[in-house]
Amino acid sequence: MRHIGALFGETMICLKVSINGAAFCVAGVGDHGCISAFVTWVDIEGDAGEPALPNQPGDVLLNVSGFTADQSPVHWRDIAHHLAVGDTVTVEVVDLASADPPKPTPMLPEIQENEA
C-alpha cells in the first residue's frame, strides 16, 4: 500500500513485525486508522467438549490487523499466523513512507435475532 503522503515525502507510523528474526510484515494504514499486532494462546472448549473456536486447542496465534480511515477491517499476511513454542515475535514501531499492502478482513455474519 502506498500512502498518498509518500508522494510528497511524508511518512506514517507502521508496525514492523518479524518472527525469529525473519520479516513477517510492515503494517500501516496512512494518516488515520488503527493497527495492532498481538499474540494469543487459545484453548477453549464449547458446551459439548468440542473446541469453541475454529482453531485447534492450544494454538498460539499472531494477528496483525487494523482498520483504515473509512473503518474497513484489514489484516496482513494470514488472519492468524500459527506460532510454535520458542518462537520470538518482534514488533518495532517505525515511521515509513509505505507499508505492505493489507488484505480485506471478512467480517463474521451478523447474528440474526429470532422474531417469534
Protein backbone atom coordinates (compact mmCIF):
# COMPACT_ATOMS: atom_id res chain seq x y z
CA MET A 1 0.00 0.00 0.00
CA ARG A 2 1.49 3.33 -0.99
CA HIS A 3 0.45 6.03 1.43
CA ILE A 4 -0.54 9.11 -0.57
CA GLY A 5 1.70 11.29 1.62
CA ALA A 6 4.68 9.25 0.46
CA LEU A 7 4.44 11.03 -2.87
CA PHE A 8 5.22 14.26 -1.04
CA GLY A 9 7.92 12.87 1.26
CA GLU A 10 5.53 12.30 4.19
CA THR A 11 5.62 9.25 6.41
CA MET A 12 3.24 7.26 8.62
CA ILE A 13 3.52 5.20 11.78
CA CYS A 14 3.87 1.50 10.95
CA LEU A 15 4.40 -1.75 12.86
CA LYS A 16 7.33 -3.76 11.53
CA VAL A 17 6.73 -7.37 12.64
CA SER A 18 9.24 -10.23 12.50
CA ILE A 19 9.21 -13.86 13.64
CA ASN A 20 12.51 -15.39 14.76
CA GLY A 21 14.37 -12.52 13.08
CA ALA A 22 12.65 -13.01 9.69
CA ALA A 23 10.46 -10.23 8.32
CA PHE A 24 6.74 -11.02 8.61
CA CYS A 25 5.11 -7.73 7.54
CA VAL A 26 5.13 -3.95 7.76
CA ALA A 27 1.63 -2.81 8.72
CA GLY A 28 0.45 0.74 8.13
CA VAL A 29 -2.81 2.42 7.13
CA GLY A 30 -1.88 6.05 6.45
CA ASP A 31 -2.72 9.18 8.39
CA HIS A 32 -5.85 7.83 10.10
CA GLY A 33 -6.87 4.37 11.22
CA CYS A 34 -5.72 1.69 13.63
CA ILE A 35 -3.08 -1.07 13.53
CA SER A 36 -2.47 -3.82 16.10
CA ALA A 37 -0.12 -6.75 16.48
CA PHE A 38 -0.81 -9.32 19.15
CA VAL A 39 -0.11 -12.91 20.15
CA THR A 40 -2.93 -15.06 21.55
CA TRP A 41 -2.92 -18.51 23.10
CA VAL A 42 -6.26 -20.29 22.55
CA ASP A 43 -7.61 -23.37 24.33
CA ILE A 44 -11.35 -23.07 24.91
CA GLU A 45 -13.90 -25.88 24.93
CA GLY A 46 -17.53 -25.44 23.96
CA ASP A 47 -20.56 -27.00 25.65
CA ALA A 48 -20.05 -30.43 24.05
CA GLY A 49 -16.31 -30.62 24.77
CA GLU A 50 -15.58 -29.50 21.21
CA PRO A 51 -13.24 -26.56 20.55
CA ALA A 52 -15.29 -23.35 20.91
CA LEU A 53 -13.27 -21.60 18.20
CA PRO A 54 -12.22 -22.75 14.71
CA ASN A 55 -8.62 -23.08 15.91
CA GLN A 56 -7.10 -26.20 17.42
CA PRO A 57 -6.85 -26.36 21.22
CA GLY A 58 -3.56 -24.92 22.42
CA ASP A 59 -2.93 -22.81 19.29
CA VAL A 60 -0.63 -19.82 19.66
CA LEU A 61 -1.56 -17.24 17.02
CA LEU A 62 -0.06 -13.99 15.71
CA ASN A 63 -2.53 -11.43 14.39
CA VAL A 64 -1.59 -8.21 12.64
CA SER A 65 -4.73 -6.28 11.79
CA GLY A 66 -6.42 -2.90 11.86
CA PHE A 67 -8.89 -0.50 10.34
CA THR A 68 -8.41 2.00 7.53
CA ALA A 69 -9.62 5.60 7.73
CA ASP A 70 -13.02 4.53 6.35
CA GLN A 71 -13.22 1.87 9.12
CA SER A 72 -12.72 -1.07 6.75
CA PRO A 73 -11.13 -4.01 8.62
CA VAL A 74 -7.81 -5.23 7.17
CA HIS A 75 -5.06 -7.71 8.02
CA TRP A 76 -1.55 -8.50 6.86
CA ARG A 77 -0.45 -11.96 5.68
CA ASP A 78 -2.72 -14.52 7.37
CA ILE A 79 -5.69 -13.52 9.51
CA ALA A 80 -3.99 -15.58 12.26
CA HIS A 81 -0.50 -17.00 11.82
CA HIS A 82 0.38 -20.10 13.86
CA LEU A 83 3.38 -19.86 16.17
CA ALA A 84 5.33 -22.60 17.95
CA VAL A 85 6.87 -22.81 21.39
CA GLY A 86 10.19 -20.96 21.29
CA ASP A 87 9.18 -18.51 18.52
CA THR A 88 10.18 -14.90 19.11
CA VAL A 89 7.89 -12.16 17.79
CA THR A 90 9.30 -8.65 17.49
CA VAL A 91 7.14 -5.57 16.91
CA GLU A 92 9.03 -2.39 16.08
CA VAL A 93 7.28 0.98 15.79
CA VAL A 94 8.67 2.72 12.71
CA ASP A 95 7.97 5.86 10.66
CA LEU A 96 7.92 4.96 6.95
CA ALA A 97 6.64 6.28 3.62
CA SER A 98 4.94 2.97 2.67
CA ALA A 99 3.77 -0.33 4.12
CA ASP A 100 2.93 -3.82 2.87
CA PRO A 101 -0.47 -3.98 1.18
CA PRO A 102 -3.18 -5.12 3.60
CA LYS A 103 -5.91 -7.63 2.76
CA PRO A 104 -9.59 -7.01 3.48
CA THR A 105 -10.73 -8.96 6.53
CA PRO A 106 -14.01 -10.83 6.05
CA MET A 107 -16.47 -9.99 8.78
CA LEU A 108 -18.48 -12.62 10.60
CA PRO A 109 -22.12 -12.70 9.52
CA GLU A 110 -24.38 -10.71 11.80
CA ILE A 111 -26.36 -12.79 14.25
CA GLN A 112 -29.99 -12.76 13.28
CA GLU A 113 -32.38 -12.46 16.21
CA ASN A 114 -35.34 -14.82 16.16
CA GLU A 115 -38.59 -12.99 15.79
CA ALA A 116 -41.31 -15.05 17.46
